[in-house]
């Protein structure tokens, strides 16, 4: 994997997480939430397996995006 593509891949993850947290805070149906979580979870797994990111890094990204969404909602 070309390291130059990592910022693009992380931005895709941030978009997926934004979708998850938006659906969650808007009270989306279980089906919509499950799909959003599934996409984000699968993408994170692919990043781990490809060696693009480490677990701790992904956890940090999730925390950042959750905080950002929580701050927006407040």
PDB file of N, CA and C in Angstrom:
ATOM      1  N   UNK A   1       0.854  -1.184   0.000  1.00  0.00           N
ATOM      2  CA  UNK A   1       0.000   0.000   0.000  1.00  0.00           C
ATOM      3  C   UNK A   1       0.888   1.231   0.000  1.00  0.00           C
ATOM      4  N   UNK A   2       0.594   2.116  -0.894  1.00  0.00           N
ATOM      5  CA  UNK A   2       1.351   3.360  -1.013  1.00  0.00           C
ATOM      6  C   UNK A   2       0.975   4.289   0.147  1.00  0.00           C
ATOM      7  N   UNK A   3       1.947   4.658   0.990  1.00  0.00           N
ATOM      8  CA  UNK A   3       1.641   5.529   2.136  1.00  0.00           C
ATOM      9  C   UNK A   3       1.054   6.879   1.735  1.00  0.00           C
ATOM     10  N   UNK A   4       1.261   7.289   0.506  1.00  0.00           N
ATOM     11  CA  UNK A   4       0.714   8.571   0.053  1.00  0.00           C
ATOM     12  C   UNK A   4      -0.811   8.552   0.027  1.00  0.00           C
ATOM     13  N   UNK A   5      -1.397   7.361  -0.038  1.00  0.00           N
ATOM     14  CA  UNK A   5      -2.857   7.233  -0.088  1.00  0.00           C
ATOM     15  C   UNK A   5      -3.505   7.207   1.303  1.00  0.00           C
ATOM     16  N   UNK A   6      -2.698   7.106   2.342  1.00  0.00           N
ATOM     17  CA  UNK A   6      -3.250   6.991   3.694  1.00  0.00           C
ATOM     18  C   UNK A   6      -4.175   8.147   4.063  1.00  0.00           C
ATOM     19  N   UNK A   7      -3.811   9.409   3.797  1.00  0.00           N
ATOM     20  CA  UNK A   7      -4.735  10.492   4.160  1.00  0.00           C
ATOM     21  C   UNK A   7      -6.098  10.358   3.479  1.00  0.00           C
ATOM     22  N   UNK A   8      -6.115   9.919   2.240  1.00  0.00           N
ATOM     23  CA  UNK A   8      -7.387   9.702   1.536  1.00  0.00           C
ATOM     24  C   UNK A   8      -8.205   8.617   2.222  1.00  0.00           C
ATOM     25  N   UNK A   9      -7.532   7.518   2.573  1.00  0.00           N
ATOM     26  CA  UNK A   9      -8.221   6.400   3.211  1.00  0.00           C
ATOM     27  C   UNK A   9      -8.764   6.796   4.577  1.00  0.00           C
ATOM     28  N   UNK A  10      -8.003   7.579   5.324  1.00  0.00           N
ATOM     29  CA  UNK A  10      -8.463   8.042   6.637  1.00  0.00           C
ATOM     30  C   UNK A  10      -9.649   8.990   6.474  1.00  0.00           C
ATOM     31  N   UNK A  11      -9.642   9.818   5.445  1.00  0.00           N
ATOM     32  CA  UNK A  11     -10.781  10.715   5.208  1.00  0.00           C
ATOM     33  C   UNK A  11     -12.049   9.939   4.882  1.00  0.00           C
ATOM     34  N   UNK A  12     -11.895   8.839   4.148  1.00  0.00           N
ATOM     35  CA  UNK A  12     -13.067   7.985   3.877  1.00  0.00           C
ATOM     36  C   UNK A  12     -13.599   7.437   5.196  1.00  0.00           C
ATOM     37  N   UNK A  13     -12.707   6.977   6.064  1.00  0.00           N
ATOM     38  CA  UNK A  13     -13.132   6.473   7.373  1.00  0.00           C
ATOM     39  C   UNK A  13     -13.846   7.557   8.165  1.00  0.00           C
ATOM     40  N   UNK A  14     -13.316   8.766   8.154  1.00  0.00           N
ATOM     41  CA  UNK A  14     -13.959   9.861   8.883  1.00  0.00           C
ATOM     42  C   UNK A  14     -15.379  10.118   8.353  1.00  0.00           C
ATOM     43  N   UNK A  15     -15.547  10.028   7.044  1.00  0.00           N
ATOM     44  CA  UNK A  15     -16.877  10.201   6.450  1.00  0.00           C
ATOM     45  C   UNK A  15     -17.820   9.097   6.908  1.00  0.00           C
ATOM     46  N   UNK A  16     -17.333   7.858   6.908  1.00  0.00           N
ATOM     47  CA  UNK A  16     -18.164   6.738   7.365  1.00  0.00           C
ATOM     48  C   UNK A  16     -18.556   6.914   8.837  1.00  0.00           C
ATOM     49  N   UNK A  17     -17.611   7.355   9.652  1.00  0.00           N
ATOM     50  CA  UNK A  17     -17.911   7.565  11.068  1.00  0.00           C
ATOM     51  C   UNK A  17     -18.889   8.711  11.273  1.00  0.00           C
ATOM     52  N   UNK A  18     -18.759   9.748  10.477  1.00  0.00           N
ATOM     53  CA  UNK A  18     -19.717  10.859  10.548  1.00  0.00           C
ATOM     54  C   UNK A  18     -21.116  10.349  10.239  1.00  0.00           C
ATOM     55  N   UNK A  19     -21.234   9.483   9.250  1.00  0.00           N
ATOM     56  CA  UNK A  19     -22.532   8.892   8.921  1.00  0.00           C
ATOM     57  C   UNK A  19     -23.086   8.085  10.089  1.00  0.00           C
ATOM     58  N   UNK A  20     -22.210   7.316  10.749  1.00  0.00           N
ATOM     59  CA  UNK A  20     -22.632   6.508  11.904  1.00  0.00           C
ATOM     60  C   UNK A  20     -23.156   7.405  13.014  1.00  0.00           C
ATOM     61  N   UNK A  21     -22.368   8.400  13.395  1.00  0.00           N
ATOM     62  CA  UNK A  21     -22.757   9.237  14.527  1.00  0.00           C
ATOM     63  C   UNK A  21     -23.949  10.129  14.198  1.00  0.00           C
ATOM     64  N   UNK A  22     -24.061  10.555  12.961  1.00  0.00           N
ATOM     65  CA  UNK A  22     -25.228  11.337  12.553  1.00  0.00           C
ATOM     66  C   UNK A  22     -26.485  10.483  12.668  1.00  0.00           C
ATOM     67  N   UNK A  23     -26.421   9.273  12.156  1.00  0.00           N
ATOM     68  CA  UNK A  23     -27.576   8.368  12.238  1.00  0.00           C
ATOM     69  C   UNK A  23     -27.933   8.091  13.691  1.00  0.00           C
ATOM     70  N   UNK A  24     -26.922   7.891  14.499  1.00  0.00           N
ATOM     71  CA  UNK A  24     -27.150   7.596  15.917  1.00  0.00           C
ATOM     72  C   UNK A  24     -27.821   8.768  16.630  1.00  0.00           C
ATOM     73  N   UNK A  25     -27.314   9.972  16.445  1.00  0.00           N
ATOM     74  CA  UNK A  25     -27.860  11.136  17.134  1.00  0.00           C
ATOM     75  C   UNK A  25     -29.220  11.552  16.590  1.00  0.00           C
ATOM     76  N   UNK A  26     -29.496  11.198  15.339  1.00  0.00           N
ATOM     77  CA  UNK A  26     -30.796  11.542  14.759  1.00  0.00           C
ATOM     78  C   UNK A  26     -31.857  10.486  15.041  1.00  0.00           C
ATOM     79  N   UNK A  27     -31.488   9.430  15.752  1.00  0.00           N
ATOM     80  CA  UNK A  27     -32.449   8.395  16.102  1.00  0.00           C
ATOM     81  C   UNK A  27     -32.866   7.541  14.925  1.00  0.00           C
ATOM     82  N   UNK A  28     -31.909   7.200  14.076  1.00  0.00           N
ATOM     83  CA  UNK A  28     -32.199   6.392  12.890  1.00  0.00           C
ATOM     84  C   UNK A  28     -32.701   5.008  13.287  1.00  0.00           C
ATOM     85  N   UNK A  29     -33.324   4.351  12.344  1.00  0.00           N
ATOM     86  CA  UNK A  29     -33.829   3.001  12.590  1.00  0.00           C
ATOM     87  C   UNK A  29     -32.658   2.053  12.830  1.00  0.00           C
ATOM     88  N   UNK A  30     -32.971   0.925  13.435  1.00  0.00           N
ATOM     89  CA  UNK A  30     -31.946  -0.083  13.714  1.00  0.00           C
ATOM     90  C   UNK A  30     -31.268  -0.527  12.423  1.00  0.00           C
ATOM     91  N   UNK A  31     -32.040  -0.696  11.378  1.00  0.00           N
ATOM     92  CA  UNK A  31     -31.492  -1.148  10.101  1.00  0.00           C
ATOM     93  C   UNK A  31     -30.465  -0.151   9.556  1.00  0.00           C
ATOM     94  N   UNK A  32     -30.788   1.121   9.601  1.00  0.00           N
ATOM     95  CA  UNK A  32     -29.873   2.146   9.089  1.00  0.00           C
ATOM     96  C   UNK A  32     -28.614   2.229   9.950  1.00  0.00           C
ATOM     97  N   UNK A  33     -28.783   2.153  11.269  1.00  0.00           N
ATOM     98  CA  UNK A  33     -27.634   2.175  12.170  1.00  0.00           C
ATOM     99  C   UNK A  33     -26.734   0.969  11.954  1.00  0.00           C
ATOM    100  N   UNK A  34     -27.333  -0.207  11.842  1.00  0.00           N
ATOM    101  CA  UNK A  34     -26.557  -1.428  11.646  1.00  0.00           C
ATOM    102  C   UNK A  34     -25.759  -1.367  10.348  1.00  0.00           C
ATOM    103  N   UNK A  35     -26.372  -0.854   9.306  1.00  0.00           N
ATOM    104  CA  UNK A  35     -25.672  -0.738   8.022  1.00  0.00           C
ATOM    105  C   UNK A  35     -24.498   0.238   8.141  1.00  0.00           C
ATOM    106  N   UNK A  36     -24.724   1.391   8.768  1.00  0.00           N
ATOM    107  CA  UNK A  36     -23.667   2.390   8.915  1.00  0.00           C
ATOM    108  C   UNK A  36     -22.511   1.844   9.760  1.00  0.00           C
ATOM    109  N   UNK A  37     -22.848   1.185  10.881  1.00  0.00           N
ATOM    110  CA  UNK A  37     -21.804   0.584  11.717  1.00  0.00           C
ATOM    111  C   UNK A  37     -21.060  -0.505  10.956  1.00  0.00           C
ATOM    112  N   UNK A  38     -21.786  -1.292  10.176  1.00  0.00           N
ATOM    113  CA  UNK A  38     -21.163  -2.366   9.400  1.00  0.00           C
ATOM    114  C   UNK A  38     -20.168  -1.841   8.384  1.00  0.00           C
ATOM    115  N   UNK A  39     -20.540  -0.781   7.681  1.00  0.00           N
ATOM    116  CA  UNK A  39     -19.621  -0.177   6.706  1.00  0.00           C
ATOM    117  C   UNK A  39     -18.354   0.325   7.396  1.00  0.00           C
ATOM    118  N   UNK A  40     -18.527   1.057   8.481  1.00  0.00           N
ATOM    119  CA  UNK A  40     -17.379   1.624   9.191  1.00  0.00           C
ATOM    120  C   UNK A  40     -16.503   0.517   9.778  1.00  0.00           C
ATOM    121  N   UNK A  41     -17.131  -0.486  10.375  1.00  0.00           N
ATOM    122  CA  UNK A  41     -16.388  -1.581  10.983  1.00  0.00           C
ATOM    123  C   UNK A  41     -15.600  -2.362   9.925  1.00  0.00           C
ATOM    124  N   UNK A  42     -16.241  -2.659   8.819  1.00  0.00           N
ATOM    125  CA  UNK A  42     -15.566  -3.387   7.753  1.00  0.00           C
ATOM    126  C   UNK A  42     -14.414  -2.599   7.165  1.00  0.00           C
ATOM    127  N   UNK A  43     -14.594  -1.300   7.026  1.00  0.00           N
ATOM    128  CA  UNK A  43     -13.541  -0.441   6.480  1.00  0.00           C
ATOM    129  C   UNK A  43     -12.346  -0.400   7.434  1.00  0.00           C
ATOM    130  N   UNK A  44     -12.635  -0.280   8.746  1.00  0.00           N
ATOM    131  CA  UNK A  44     -11.545  -0.265   9.711  1.00  0.00           C
ATOM    132  C   UNK A  44     -10.794  -1.598   9.710  1.00  0.00           C
ATOM    133  N   UNK A  45     -11.514  -2.673   9.594  1.00  0.00           N
ATOM    134  CA  UNK A  45     -10.861  -3.993   9.537  1.00  0.00           C
ATOM    135  C   UNK A  45      -9.947  -4.093   8.321  1.00  0.00           C
ATOM    136  N   UNK A  46     -10.417  -3.586   7.181  1.00  0.00           N
ATOM    137  CA  UNK A  46      -9.603  -3.612   5.965  1.00  0.00           C
ATOM    138  C   UNK A  46      -8.336  -2.766   6.144  1.00  0.00           C
ATOM    139  N   UNK A  47      -8.466  -1.616   6.791  1.00  0.00           N
ATOM    140  CA  UNK A  47      -7.290  -0.777   7.044  1.00  0.00           C
ATOM    141  C   UNK A  47      -6.285  -1.491   7.940  1.00  0.00           C
ATOM    142  N   UNK A  48      -6.792  -2.195   8.945  1.00  0.00           N
ATOM    143  CA  UNK A  48      -5.911  -2.962   9.829  1.00  0.00           C
ATOM    144  C   UNK A  48      -5.215  -4.089   9.074  1.00  0.00           C
ATOM    145  N   UNK A  49      -5.992  -4.861   8.335  1.00  0.00           N
ATOM    146  CA  UNK A  49      -5.435  -6.013   7.630  1.00  0.00           C
ATOM    147  C   UNK A  49      -4.453  -5.610   6.536  1.00  0.00           C
ATOM    148  N   UNK A  50      -4.657  -4.455   5.936  1.00  0.00           N
ATOM    149  CA  UNK A  50      -3.746  -3.973   4.892  1.00  0.00           C
ATOM    150  C   UNK A  50      -2.506  -3.319   5.489  1.00  0.00           C
ATOM    151  N   UNK A  51      -2.489  -3.148   6.803  1.00  0.00           N
ATOM    152  CA  UNK A  51      -1.351  -2.523   7.459  1.00  0.00           C
ATOM    153  C   UNK A  51      -1.300  -1.020   7.277  1.00  0.00           C
ATOM    154  N   UNK A  52      -2.431  -0.436   6.897  1.00  0.00           N
ATOM    155  CA  UNK A  52      -2.492   1.012   6.671  1.00  0.00           C
ATOM    156  C   UNK A  52      -2.561   1.763   7.994  1.00  0.00           C
ATOM    157  N   UNK A  53      -3.208   1.170   8.978  1.00  0.00           N
ATOM    158  CA  UNK A  53      -3.377   1.826  10.272  1.00  0.00           C
ATOM    159  C   UNK A  53      -3.286   0.784  11.382  1.00  0.00           C
ATOM    160  N   UNK A  54      -2.979   1.266  12.574  1.00  0.00           N
ATOM    161  CA  UNK A  54      -2.918   0.411  13.756  1.00  0.00           C
ATOM    162  C   UNK A  54      -4.166   0.638  14.592  1.00  0.00           C
ATOM    163  N   UNK A  55      -4.457  -0.331  15.435  1.00  0.00           N
ATOM    164  CA  UNK A  55      -5.656  -0.286  16.267  1.00  0.00           C
ATOM    165  C   UNK A  55      -5.753   1.009  17.062  1.00  0.00           C
ATOM    166  N   UNK A  56      -4.654   1.414  17.698  1.00  0.00           N
ATOM    167  CA  UNK A  56      -4.671   2.613  18.529  1.00  0.00           C
ATOM    168  C   UNK A  56      -4.980   3.860  17.692  1.00  0.00           C
ATOM    169  N   UNK A  57      -4.449   3.885  16.491  1.00  0.00           N
ATOM    170  CA  UNK A  57      -4.702   5.019  15.601  1.00  0.00           C
ATOM    171  C   UNK A  57      -6.183   5.095  15.227  1.00  0.00           C
ATOM    172  N   UNK A  58      -6.774   3.943  14.922  1.00  0.00           N
ATOM    173  CA  UNK A  58      -8.193   3.910  14.556  1.00  0.00           C
ATOM    174  C   UNK A  58      -9.075   4.311  15.731  1.00  0.00           C
ATOM    175  N   UNK A  59      -8.707   3.842  16.915  1.00  0.00           N
ATOM    176  CA  UNK A  59      -9.473   4.228  18.111  1.00  0.00           C
ATOM    177  C   UNK A  59      -9.424   5.743  18.286  1.00  0.00           C
ATOM    178  N   UNK A  60      -8.263   6.331  18.076  1.00  0.00           N
ATOM    179  CA  UNK A  60      -8.126   7.785  18.180  1.00  0.00           C
ATOM    180  C   UNK A  60      -9.000   8.515  17.178  1.00  0.00           C
ATOM    181  N   UNK A  61      -9.075   7.999  15.962  1.00  0.00           N
ATOM    182  CA  UNK A  61      -9.913   8.624  14.926  1.00  0.00           C
ATOM    183  C   UNK A  61     -11.381   8.539  15.314  1.00  0.00           C
ATOM    184  N   UNK A  62     -11.794   7.384  15.824  1.00  0.00           N
ATOM    185  CA  UNK A  62     -13.190   7.219  16.249  1.00  0.00           C
ATOM    186  C   UNK A  62     -13.512   8.209  17.367  1.00  0.00           C
ATOM    187  N   UNK A  63     -12.613   8.340  18.333  1.00  0.00           N
ATOM    188  CA  UNK A  63     -12.837   9.270  19.445  1.00  0.00           C
ATOM    189  C   UNK A  63     -12.946  10.705  18.926  1.00  0.00           C
ATOM    190  N   UNK A  64     -12.054  11.085  18.018  1.00  0.00           N
ATOM    191  CA  UNK A  64     -12.099  12.441  17.454  1.00  0.00           C
ATOM    192  C   UNK A  64     -13.417  12.722  16.751  1.00  0.00           C
ATOM    193  N   UNK A  65     -13.852  11.775  15.945  1.00  0.00           N
ATOM    194  CA  UNK A  65     -15.088  11.985  15.185  1.00  0.00           C
ATOM    195  C   UNK A  65     -16.310  11.991  16.088  1.00  0.00           C
ATOM    196  N   UNK A  66     -16.309  11.148  17.105  1.00  0.00           N
ATOM    197  CA  UNK A  66     -17.428  11.139  18.055  1.00  0.00           C
ATOM    198  C   UNK A  66     -17.487  12.467  18.794  1.00  0.00           C
ATOM    199  N   UNK A  67     -16.336  12.964  19.223  1.00  0.00           N
ATOM    200  CA  UNK A  67     -16.286  14.273  19.899  1.00  0.00           C
ATOM    201  C   UNK A  67     -16.766  15.379  18.992  1.00  0.00           C
ATOM    202  N   UNK A  68     -16.312  15.346  17.751  1.00  0.00           N
ATOM    203  CA  UNK A  68     -16.718  16.381  16.789  1.00  0.00           C
ATOM    204  C   UNK A  68     -18.236  16.377  16.614  1.00  0.00           C
ATOM    205  N   UNK A  69     -18.823  15.212  16.482  1.00  0.00           N
ATOM    206  CA  UNK A  69     -20.277  15.131  16.308  1.00  0.00           C
ATOM    207  C   UNK A  69     -20.994  15.571  17.571  1.00  0.00           C
ATOM    208  N   UNK A  70     -20.458  15.172  18.739  1.00  0.00           N
ATOM    209  CA  UNK A  70     -21.080  15.562  20.000  1.00  0.00           C
ATOM    210  C   UNK A  70     -21.016  17.074  20.175  1.00  0.00           C
ATOM    211  N   UNK A  71     -19.884  17.686  19.827  1.00  0.00           N
ATOM    212  CA  UNK A  71     -19.753  19.140  19.931  1.00  0.00           C
ATOM    213  C   UNK A  71     -20.701  19.858  18.987  1.00  0.00           C
ATOM    214  N   UNK A  72     -20.900  19.303  17.792  1.00  0.00           N
ATOM    215  CA  UNK A  72     -21.852  19.887  16.828  1.00  0.00           C
ATOM    216  C   UNK A  72     -23.268  19.848  17.384  1.00  0.00           C
ATOM    217  N   UNK A  73     -23.607  18.716  18.018  1.00  0.00           N
ATOM    218  CA  UNK A  73     -24.962  18.528  18.506  1.00  0.00           C
ATOM    219  C   UNK A  73     -25.255  19.382  19.728  1.00  0.00           C
ATOM    220  N   UNK A  74     -24.225  19.729  20.467  1.00  0.00           N
ATOM    221  CA  UNK A  74     -24.420  20.491  21.717  1.00  0.00           C
ATOM    222  C   UNK A  74     -24.722  21.942  21.487  1.00  0.00           C
TER     223      UNK A  74
END
